[in-house]
Amino acid sequence: SSVVGRRSSRPFQRMTLKKWVYGAAMGLSLALTALSAWYYAYMVGLAVGVYFLVRAWALRREVRVSSLVGAVGAALAVFVLLAGPLALPSLQLYGKGELSHSAKAADENSAALADYLLPNQIQPMWGEDSMRAHADENVIESALYLGVVPVAVALGGFWVWSRSRRRDAAGARVWAAWAGVLVVGVVLSLGLTLHDTHGQVQVALAGGRAPVPLPGKALFDWLPLYSSMRAYARFGVLVALAAVALMGLGWAQLVRARGVRRHALWLTALISCLVLADFWTAPYTWGTSRIQPTEASRFLAAAPPGAIMQMPLASTQAGPPLFWETYYGKPITYGYDTFEPPEWRAARPTLEAFPDDVALDLLKSWGVRYVVVSANAYGADWALTEAFLSGLPRLRHLQDFQERRVWDVDPQVLDARPDMAQYAEPDTLAVYQLVR
């Protein structure tokens, strides 16, 4: 009996260890997601919740909840250990009401159902029409096309599976779980109110017109931290993940069908080629960004120590000015984040008064020595603006730098999206020293 007992206990021990390992691996995966972007940690957490609930409901008669406690505990322990120290400051700010957007701001970058259907907008053969259709939307957030081939394979595979005599409950659970993630992802990506590709959809009511509320509005009002997000279209990442999983399930069914199994290898190669053709992006329409120091950054890197500020503020709300800081070797007093610190928000009206004395006084109190001014931000008024700045006794003009454009883009993009031409224009950067 002792031998039997030892033999029967080993599989149970191995199974228990495996659950702990799986749980820890899940916690590690969520922690790494959180450390890369809190947006996706939150979204993936919701997706895991949906997936878990669907699978748990389907397995409620076969799996005891108590058997999952160890795995769930391991996942939480690893997640809290790795991501907790960085999450704590954000949670504290949320508790103070400093990590929430207004409903209007949060709803602006939401998806439309058409975004999942409009073809790849950077496909060189047929992408331009799709790009024009996205003209009123965020150029990045709304690129949610799932692809004809993945959707067709998933639907075809599900049809074959549903008619197969070999279908079983286990397969149904997997299909249901991933379908649940896809549906929830689509609904949440639509934001707080219904949108089309031209913006918020409003319907006529007795008292005027009103938006069409969606389930995301309830989550915005009641679910902690949900109001901290302002680009709900990013839930499309979960939709794409679920679509790929469903395509895999569908293809696994299709290649088992009679008459297909013998040609599975060639058909897989063909399907892969069709997917690549649908999502083809060469030559890359969006072009490339220059990863190199500007002449102004080289000049400031060699200049005596002192903090740097770029003006006007609108010219700092982008990647290039922040990237140039890596070459300065000096502190900067500008920046960009979704949630500005209270002190910065309080200082913003004063900074926007640049070059008035109140703005220069504030910069001086921050230890600013160099002020970089963007000519493009002033447009046609730059010549008069530069003459005025150079005449101020508190600013000493050091040098102008005619920079190369940062973004080299296919002209097709600017034809379809003329509103983006400003990002492809070279800038002139004027460097001043704040003397008193």
Protein backbone atom coordinates (compact mmCIF):
# COMPACT_ATOMS: atom_id res chain seq x y z
CA SER A 1 0.00 0.00 0.00
CA SER A 2 2.89 2.34 0.69
CA VAL A 3 4.22 1.76 -2.82
CA VAL A 4 0.83 2.48 -4.32
CA GLY A 5 0.54 5.57 -2.17
CA ARG A 6 3.91 6.89 -3.30
CA ARG A 7 3.13 6.21 -6.94
CA SER A 8 -0.27 7.88 -6.77
CA SER A 9 1.06 10.93 -4.98
CA ARG A 10 3.74 11.80 -7.51
CA PRO A 11 1.41 12.65 -10.40
CA PHE A 12 -0.60 14.86 -8.02
CA GLN A 13 2.55 16.62 -6.89
CA ARG A 14 3.69 17.16 -10.46
CA MET A 15 0.29 18.48 -11.43
CA THR A 16 0.25 20.87 -8.47
CA LEU A 17 3.73 22.13 -9.29
CA LYS A 18 2.71 22.62 -12.91
CA LYS A 19 -0.24 24.77 -11.85
CA TRP A 20 2.03 26.93 -9.73
CA VAL A 21 4.49 27.29 -12.59
CA TYR A 22 1.73 28.19 -15.03
CA GLY A 23 0.35 30.71 -12.55
CA ALA A 24 3.77 32.28 -12.00
CA ALA A 25 4.33 32.44 -15.77
CA MET A 26 1.02 34.24 -16.21
CA GLY A 27 1.95 36.71 -13.46
CA LEU A 28 5.32 37.31 -15.12
CA SER A 29 3.65 37.92 -18.48
CA LEU A 30 1.20 40.44 -17.00
CA ALA A 31 4.00 42.15 -15.06
CA LEU A 32 6.13 42.58 -18.17
CA THR A 33 3.10 43.95 -19.99
CA ALA A 34 2.52 46.41 -17.16
CA LEU A 35 6.14 47.52 -17.16
CA SER A 36 6.01 48.17 -20.91
CA ALA A 37 2.71 50.09 -20.89
CA TRP A 38 0.05 50.41 -18.20
CA TYR A 39 -2.55 50.80 -20.92
CA TYR A 40 -2.02 47.27 -22.11
CA ALA A 41 -1.65 45.84 -18.63
CA TYR A 42 -5.15 47.09 -17.89
CA MET A 43 -6.55 45.89 -21.19
CA VAL A 44 -4.87 42.50 -20.99
CA GLY A 45 -6.09 42.16 -17.43
CA LEU A 46 -9.67 42.65 -18.61
CA ALA A 47 -9.12 40.15 -21.42
CA VAL A 48 -7.71 37.59 -19.01
CA GLY A 49 -10.75 38.14 -16.81
CA VAL A 50 -13.14 37.53 -19.70
CA TYR A 51 -11.22 34.47 -20.87
CA PHE A 52 -11.08 33.06 -17.35
CA LEU A 53 -14.79 33.58 -16.69
CA VAL A 54 -15.82 31.90 -19.93
CA ARG A 55 -13.51 28.93 -19.39
CA ALA A 56 -14.41 28.64 -15.70
CA TRP A 57 -18.14 28.64 -16.48
CA ALA A 58 -17.65 25.98 -19.14
CA LEU A 59 -15.55 23.83 -16.77
CA ARG A 60 -17.59 24.46 -13.63
CA ARG A 61 -18.57 20.78 -13.33
CA GLU A 62 -15.11 19.41 -14.06
CA VAL A 63 -12.69 21.68 -12.20
CA ARG A 64 -12.86 22.65 -8.56
CA VAL A 65 -12.31 26.32 -7.82
CA SER A 66 -10.11 25.38 -4.87
CA SER A 67 -7.68 23.69 -7.26
CA LEU A 68 -6.99 27.03 -8.92
CA VAL A 69 -6.20 28.96 -5.75
CA GLY A 70 -2.51 28.12 -5.80
CA ALA A 71 -2.04 29.07 -9.45
CA VAL A 72 -3.97 32.33 -9.07
CA GLY A 73 -2.03 33.12 -5.90
CA ALA A 74 1.28 32.53 -7.68
CA ALA A 75 0.21 34.81 -10.54
CA LEU A 76 -0.79 37.61 -8.16
CA ALA A 77 2.39 37.25 -6.11
CA VAL A 78 4.69 37.52 -9.13
CA PHE A 79 2.70 40.41 -10.59
CA VAL A 80 2.66 42.42 -7.36
CA LEU A 81 6.33 41.73 -6.69
CA LEU A 82 7.47 42.97 -10.11
CA ALA A 83 4.90 45.60 -11.05
CA GLY A 84 3.64 46.69 -7.64
CA PRO A 85 6.43 49.18 -6.81
CA LEU A 86 5.77 51.11 -10.02
CA ALA A 87 1.99 50.80 -9.79
CA LEU A 88 1.78 52.24 -6.27
CA PRO A 89 2.50 55.90 -7.21
CA SER A 90 -0.11 55.75 -9.96
CA LEU A 91 -2.69 54.27 -7.62
CA GLN A 92 -1.95 57.01 -5.09
CA LEU A 93 -2.45 59.69 -7.74
CA TYR A 94 -5.69 58.03 -8.86
CA GLY A 95 -6.89 58.10 -5.28
CA LYS A 96 -6.34 61.86 -5.29
CA GLY A 97 -8.36 62.24 -8.49
CA GLU A 98 -5.33 63.19 -10.61
CA LEU A 99 -5.43 60.28 -13.09
CA SER A 100 -8.84 60.71 -14.70
CA HIS A 101 -9.89 62.23 -18.00
CA SER A 102 -13.17 63.92 -18.71
CA ALA A 103 -15.64 61.73 -20.58
CA LYS A 104 -15.28 63.96 -23.67
CA ALA A 105 -11.47 63.72 -23.73
CA ALA A 106 -11.51 59.98 -23.06
CA ASP A 107 -14.01 59.32 -25.84
CA GLU A 108 -12.25 61.21 -28.64
CA ASN A 109 -9.89 58.43 -29.79
CA SER A 110 -12.46 55.65 -30.03
CA ALA A 111 -12.84 53.16 -32.84
CA ALA A 112 -15.63 52.82 -35.36
CA LEU A 113 -16.87 49.44 -36.54
CA ALA A 114 -15.72 50.37 -40.04
CA ASP A 115 -12.12 50.56 -38.77
CA TYR A 116 -12.07 46.77 -38.54
CA LEU A 117 -13.29 46.46 -42.13
CA LEU A 118 -11.44 49.20 -44.02
CA PRO A 119 -8.46 47.61 -45.81
CA ASN A 120 -4.85 48.10 -44.81
CA GLN A 121 -4.25 51.82 -45.40
CA ILE A 122 -0.53 51.46 -46.13
CA GLN A 123 -0.90 48.66 -48.66
CA PRO A 124 0.84 50.15 -51.74
CA MET A 125 -1.81 49.04 -54.25
CA TRP A 126 -5.13 49.89 -52.59
CA GLY A 127 -4.27 51.62 -49.33
CA GLU A 128 -4.78 55.25 -50.39
CA ASP A 129 -8.58 55.05 -50.50
CA SER A 130 -8.60 53.55 -47.03
CA MET A 131 -6.27 56.28 -45.80
CA ARG A 132 -8.68 58.90 -47.12
CA ALA A 133 -11.55 57.14 -45.35
CA HIS A 134 -9.59 57.49 -42.09
CA ALA A 135 -8.95 61.19 -42.71
CA ASP A 136 -11.09 62.37 -39.78
CA GLU A 137 -9.63 59.87 -37.33
CA ASN A 138 -6.40 59.40 -35.43
CA VAL A 139 -3.97 58.11 -38.03
CA ILE A 140 -2.53 55.44 -35.73
CA GLU A 141 -5.28 54.47 -33.30
CA SER A 142 -7.83 53.70 -36.00
CA ALA A 143 -5.74 51.25 -38.06
CA LEU A 144 -7.60 48.15 -36.85
CA TYR A 145 -8.09 46.14 -40.03
CA LEU A 146 -8.32 42.41 -39.20
CA GLY A 147 -7.72 41.09 -42.71
CA VAL A 148 -9.95 39.18 -45.09
CA VAL A 149 -7.96 35.95 -44.84
CA PRO A 150 -7.87 35.58 -41.03
CA VAL A 151 -11.59 36.28 -40.75
CA ALA A 152 -12.45 33.91 -43.61
CA VAL A 153 -10.28 31.12 -42.19
CA ALA A 154 -11.75 31.55 -38.70
CA LEU A 155 -15.34 31.49 -39.98
CA GLY A 156 -14.68 28.63 -42.38
CA GLY A 157 -12.94 26.58 -39.70
CA PHE A 158 -15.75 27.18 -37.23
CA TRP A 159 -18.32 26.07 -39.82
CA VAL A 160 -16.35 22.87 -40.47
CA TRP A 161 -15.96 22.23 -36.74
CA SER A 162 -19.65 22.84 -36.03
CA ARG A 163 -20.63 20.21 -38.65
CA SER A 164 -18.02 17.68 -37.58
CA ARG A 165 -18.96 14.56 -35.69
CA ARG A 166 -15.71 14.87 -33.77
CA ARG A 167 -16.53 18.18 -32.16
CA ASP A 168 -16.37 18.04 -28.39
CA ALA A 169 -17.05 20.18 -25.35
CA ALA A 170 -13.37 21.05 -24.89
CA GLY A 171 -13.20 22.56 -28.37
CA ALA A 172 -16.38 24.51 -27.78
CA ARG A 173 -14.87 26.06 -24.64
CA VAL A 174 -11.80 27.30 -26.48
CA TRP A 175 -13.85 28.73 -29.35
CA ALA A 176 -16.19 30.43 -26.88
CA ALA A 177 -13.36 31.89 -24.79
CA TRP A 178 -11.58 33.52 -27.71
CA ALA A 179 -14.84 34.66 -29.28
CA GLY A 180 -15.68 36.28 -25.94
CA VAL A 181 -12.37 38.15 -25.89
CA LEU A 182 -12.98 39.33 -29.47
CA VAL A 183 -16.50 40.58 -28.82
CA VAL A 184 -15.56 42.35 -25.58
CA GLY A 185 -12.52 43.88 -27.26
CA VAL A 186 -14.61 45.25 -30.13
CA VAL A 187 -17.27 46.69 -27.82
CA LEU A 188 -14.76 48.38 -25.51
CA SER A 189 -12.71 49.74 -28.43
CA LEU A 190 -15.79 51.68 -29.55
CA GLY A 191 -15.41 53.91 -26.51
CA LEU A 192 -18.11 55.53 -24.41
CA THR A 193 -20.40 56.52 -27.27
CA LEU A 194 -20.98 55.27 -30.80
CA HIS A 195 -18.65 56.61 -33.51
CA ASP A 196 -18.29 56.34 -37.25
CA THR A 197 -15.22 57.31 -39.28
CA HIS A 198 -16.27 60.97 -39.13
CA GLY A 199 -16.66 61.16 -35.36
CA GLN A 200 -19.34 60.77 -32.75
CA VAL A 201 -22.74 59.59 -33.96
CA GLN A 202 -25.70 61.55 -32.64
CA VAL A 203 -29.38 60.77 -32.96
CA ALA A 204 -32.33 63.09 -33.01
CA LEU A 205 -34.36 63.28 -29.80
CA ALA A 206 -37.28 65.41 -28.71
CA GLY A 207 -34.99 67.92 -27.05
CA GLY A 208 -32.35 67.99 -29.78
CA ARG A 209 -29.54 65.55 -30.60
CA ALA A 210 -27.64 63.23 -28.29
CA PRO A 211 -24.85 60.64 -28.56
CA VAL A 212 -25.53 56.90 -28.43
CA PRO A 213 -24.11 55.51 -25.15
CA LEU A 214 -22.17 52.24 -25.13
CA PRO A 215 -21.19 49.77 -22.36
CA GLY A 216 -17.84 51.53 -22.00
CA LYS A 217 -19.68 54.49 -20.42
CA ALA A 218 -20.74 52.32 -17.49
CA LEU A 219 -17.15 51.11 -17.03
CA PHE A 220 -15.93 54.71 -17.23
CA ASP A 221 -18.30 55.66 -14.42
CA TRP A 222 -17.82 52.65 -12.15
CA LEU A 223 -14.67 50.65 -12.91
CA PRO A 224 -11.52 51.92 -11.14
CA LEU A 225 -8.83 53.38 -13.43
CA TYR A 226 -10.96 52.95 -16.57
CA SER A 227 -11.29 56.75 -16.75
CA SER A 228 -7.48 56.98 -16.90
CA MET A 229 -7.48 55.80 -20.52
CA ARG A 230 -8.09 58.20 -23.39
CA ALA A 231 -7.64 56.01 -26.49
CA TYR A 232 -10.15 53.19 -26.26
CA ALA A 233 -9.40 52.21 -29.85
CA ARG A 234 -6.32 50.48 -28.42
CA PHE A 235 -8.59 47.69 -27.24
CA GLY A 236 -8.27 46.67 -30.87
CA VAL A 237 -5.02 44.96 -29.86
CA LEU A 238 -7.11 42.37 -28.01
CA VAL A 239 -9.39 42.00 -31.03
CA ALA A 240 -6.41 41.29 -33.27
CA LEU A 241 -5.02 38.77 -30.77
CA ALA A 242 -8.37 36.97 -30.56
CA ALA A 243 -8.73 37.02 -34.36
CA VAL A 244 -5.32 35.37 -34.75
CA ALA A 245 -6.20 32.71 -32.18
CA LEU A 246 -9.52 32.01 -33.89
CA MET A 247 -7.76 31.82 -37.24
CA GLY A 248 -5.41 29.22 -35.78
CA LEU A 249 -8.33 27.19 -34.46
CA GLY A 250 -10.10 27.51 -37.81
CA TRP A 251 -7.09 26.48 -39.86
CA ALA A 252 -6.51 23.47 -37.61
CA GLN A 253 -10.03 22.34 -38.51
CA LEU A 254 -9.75 23.08 -42.22
CA VAL A 255 -6.54 21.11 -42.75
CA ARG A 256 -8.19 18.04 -41.21
CA ALA A 257 -11.06 18.14 -43.70
CA ARG A 258 -11.33 15.41 -46.31
CA GLY A 259 -9.37 16.25 -49.43
CA VAL A 260 -7.40 19.00 -47.71
CA ARG A 261 -5.13 17.02 -45.40
CA ARG A 262 -2.90 15.76 -48.23
CA HIS A 263 -2.25 19.31 -49.41
CA ALA A 264 -2.01 20.94 -45.98
CA LEU A 265 1.59 22.13 -46.39
CA TRP A 266 1.02 23.82 -49.72
CA LEU A 267 -2.28 25.33 -48.63
CA THR A 268 -0.64 26.70 -45.48
CA ALA A 269 2.04 28.35 -47.63
CA LEU A 270 -0.66 29.80 -49.91
CA ILE A 271 -2.68 31.18 -47.00
CA SER A 272 0.48 32.71 -45.53
CA CYS A 273 1.23 34.44 -48.82
CA LEU A 274 -2.32 35.82 -49.03
CA VAL A 275 -2.06 37.20 -45.50
CA LEU A 276 1.27 38.84 -46.32
CA ALA A 277 -0.14 40.34 -49.52
CA ASP A 278 -3.12 41.78 -47.66
CA PHE A 279 -0.88 43.37 -45.02
CA TRP A 280 1.98 44.26 -47.37
CA THR A 281 3.62 47.60 -46.54
CA ALA A 282 6.70 47.79 -48.78
CA PRO A 283 7.71 50.38 -49.71
CA TYR A 284 6.73 51.58 -46.24
CA THR A 285 4.28 54.40 -46.92
CA TRP A 286 4.74 56.09 -43.56
CA GLY A 287 8.42 56.51 -44.34
CA THR A 288 11.11 56.81 -41.68
CA SER A 289 12.14 59.19 -38.92
CA ARG A 290 15.69 60.47 -38.60
CA ILE A 291 17.46 59.10 -35.55
CA GLN A 292 20.34 61.51 -35.37
CA PRO A 293 21.30 64.67 -33.49
CA THR A 294 20.22 68.01 -34.93
CA GLU A 295 22.70 70.82 -35.44
CA ALA A 296 21.08 72.65 -32.53
CA SER A 297 21.51 69.65 -30.24
CA ARG A 298 25.19 69.37 -31.19
CA PHE A 299 25.63 73.06 -30.39
CA LEU A 300 23.89 72.76 -27.02
CA ALA A 301 25.80 69.60 -26.13
CA ALA A 302 29.05 71.57 -26.42
CA ALA A 303 27.69 74.66 -24.63
CA PRO A 304 28.41 75.43 -20.93
CA PRO A 305 26.13 73.75 -18.35
CA GLY A 306 22.56 74.94 -17.94
CA ALA A 307 18.97 73.75 -18.25
CA ILE A 308 17.17 73.94 -21.61
CA MET A 309 13.62 74.98 -22.47
CA GLN A 310 11.92 74.80 -25.87
CA MET A 311 9.26 77.30 -26.86
CA PRO A 312 6.44 77.69 -27.60
CA LEU A 313 4.90 74.88 -25.55
CA ALA A 314 2.98 73.53 -28.55
CA SER A 315 6.29 72.68 -30.23
CA THR A 316 7.33 70.42 -27.33
CA GLN A 317 4.27 68.15 -27.42
CA ALA A 318 5.86 65.63 -29.76
CA GLY A 319 8.56 63.00 -29.93
CA PRO A 320 11.44 64.83 -31.68
CA PRO A 321 11.99 67.55 -29.03
CA LEU A 322 12.04 64.87 -26.33
CA PHE A 323 14.37 62.70 -28.36
CA TRP A 324 16.84 65.53 -28.91
CA GLU A 325 17.25 65.72 -25.13
CA THR A 326 19.23 62.49 -25.29
CA TYR A 327 21.97 64.41 -27.12
CA TYR A 328 21.94 67.55 -24.99
CA GLY A 329 23.57 66.03 -21.92
CA LYS A 330 21.74 68.73 -19.96
CA PRO A 331 18.45 68.87 -18.02
CA ILE A 332 15.30 70.02 -19.80
CA THR A 333 12.33 71.80 -18.26
CA TYR A 334 9.74 70.77 -20.84
CA GLY A 335 8.08 67.42 -21.38
CA TYR A 336 4.93 65.64 -22.35
CA ASP A 337 2.71 63.17 -20.57
CA THR A 338 -0.93 62.21 -20.58
CA PHE A 339 -1.33 63.59 -17.07
CA GLU A 340 0.66 66.70 -16.31
CA PRO A 341 1.84 67.17 -12.69
CA PRO A 342 -0.21 69.78 -10.77
CA GLU A 343 2.78 72.13 -10.54
CA TRP A 344 3.23 72.03 -14.31
CA ARG A 345 -0.47 72.64 -14.96
CA ALA A 346 -0.30 75.64 -12.66
CA ALA A 347 2.73 76.98 -14.55
CA ARG A 348 1.30 76.42 -18.04
CA PRO A 349 -0.58 79.76 -18.34
CA THR A 350 2.58 81.61 -17.35
CA LEU A 351 4.71 79.68 -19.84
CA GLU A 352 2.20 80.31 -22.61
CA ALA A 353 2.79 84.03 -22.09
CA PHE A 354 6.34 83.63 -23.48
CA PRO A 355 8.25 85.87 -24.16
CA ASP A 356 6.65 88.13 -21.53
CA ASP A 357 8.69 88.85 -18.43
CA VAL A 358 6.48 86.63 -16.25
CA ALA A 359 7.43 83.62 -18.39
CA LEU A 360 11.11 84.55 -18.41
CA ASP A 361 11.05 85.02 -14.64
CA LEU A 362 9.63 81.54 -14.20
CA LEU A 363 12.23 80.00 -16.53
CA LYS A 364 15.00 81.78 -14.65
CA SER A 365 13.70 80.43 -11.32
CA TRP A 366 13.91 76.93 -12.83
CA GLY A 367 17.56 77.42 -13.70
CA VAL A 368 16.97 77.67 -17.45
CA ARG A 369 19.97 79.01 -19.35
CA TYR A 370 19.08 78.17 -22.97
CA VAL A 371 15.79 78.69 -24.79
CA VAL A 372 15.26 76.88 -28.11
CA VAL A 373 12.51 78.45 -30.23
CA SER A 374 10.78 76.60 -33.10
CA ALA A 375 10.18 78.72 -36.20
CA ASN A 376 7.51 76.39 -37.60
CA ALA A 377 5.36 76.92 -34.52
CA TYR A 378 5.02 80.61 -35.45
CA GLY A 379 4.38 80.02 -39.15
CA ALA A 380 4.36 83.11 -41.35
CA ASP A 381 4.94 85.35 -38.32
CA TRP A 382 8.39 83.90 -37.64
CA ALA A 383 10.44 86.74 -39.17
CA LEU A 384 8.70 89.36 -37.02
CA THR A 385 8.78 87.07 -33.99
CA GLU A 386 12.52 86.45 -34.31
CA ALA A 387 13.24 90.15 -34.67
CA PHE A 388 11.20 90.83 -31.54
CA LEU A 389 12.93 88.08 -29.55
CA SER A 390 16.38 89.23 -30.62
CA GLY A 391 15.55 92.74 -29.39
CA LEU A 392 14.68 91.64 -25.87
CA PRO A 393 17.40 92.55 -23.35
CA ARG A 394 16.88 89.33 -21.39
CA LEU A 395 17.45 87.03 -24.38
CA ARG A 396 20.78 86.84 -26.15
CA HIS A 397 20.52 85.37 -29.62
CA LEU A 398 23.22 82.73 -30.06
CA GLN A 399 22.55 81.09 -33.41
CA ASP A 400 19.91 79.85 -35.88
CA PHE A 401 19.96 76.28 -37.14
CA GLN A 402 18.19 75.22 -40.33
CA GLU A 403 17.41 71.60 -39.56
CA ARG A 404 16.60 68.76 -41.92
CA ARG A 405 13.08 67.44 -41.78
CA VAL A 406 12.64 64.69 -39.21
CA TRP A 407 10.06 62.66 -41.13
CA ASP A 408 10.71 61.34 -44.64
CA VAL A 409 7.31 60.23 -45.86
CA ASP A 410 5.80 58.98 -49.11
CA PRO A 411 4.05 61.90 -50.91
CA GLN A 412 1.02 59.62 -51.22
CA VAL A 413 0.41 60.08 -47.52
CA LEU A 414 0.42 63.85 -47.76
CA ASP A 415 -1.91 63.69 -50.78
CA ALA A 416 -4.40 61.65 -48.77
CA ARG A 417 -3.76 63.42 -45.47
CA PRO A 418 -2.75 67.05 -46.19
CA ASP A 419 -3.31 67.82 -42.51
CA MET A 420 -0.09 65.93 -41.75
CA ALA A 421 2.12 68.02 -44.04
CA GLN A 422 3.28 70.14 -41.11
CA TYR A 423 5.12 67.15 -39.65
CA ALA A 424 7.15 66.66 -42.82
CA GLU A 425 8.43 70.25 -43.05
CA PRO A 426 11.98 71.08 -41.94
CA ASP A 427 12.20 73.45 -38.98
CA THR A 428 14.47 76.33 -38.05
CA LEU A 429 15.57 76.28 -34.42
CA ALA A 430 16.77 79.55 -32.90
CA VAL A 431 18.85 79.21 -29.73
CA TYR A 432 18.84 82.01 -27.13
CA GLN A 433 20.59 82.44 -23.82
CA LEU A 434 18.47 83.68 -20.92
CA VAL A 435 20.82 86.26 -19.37
CA ARG A 436 18.77 87.64 -16.48
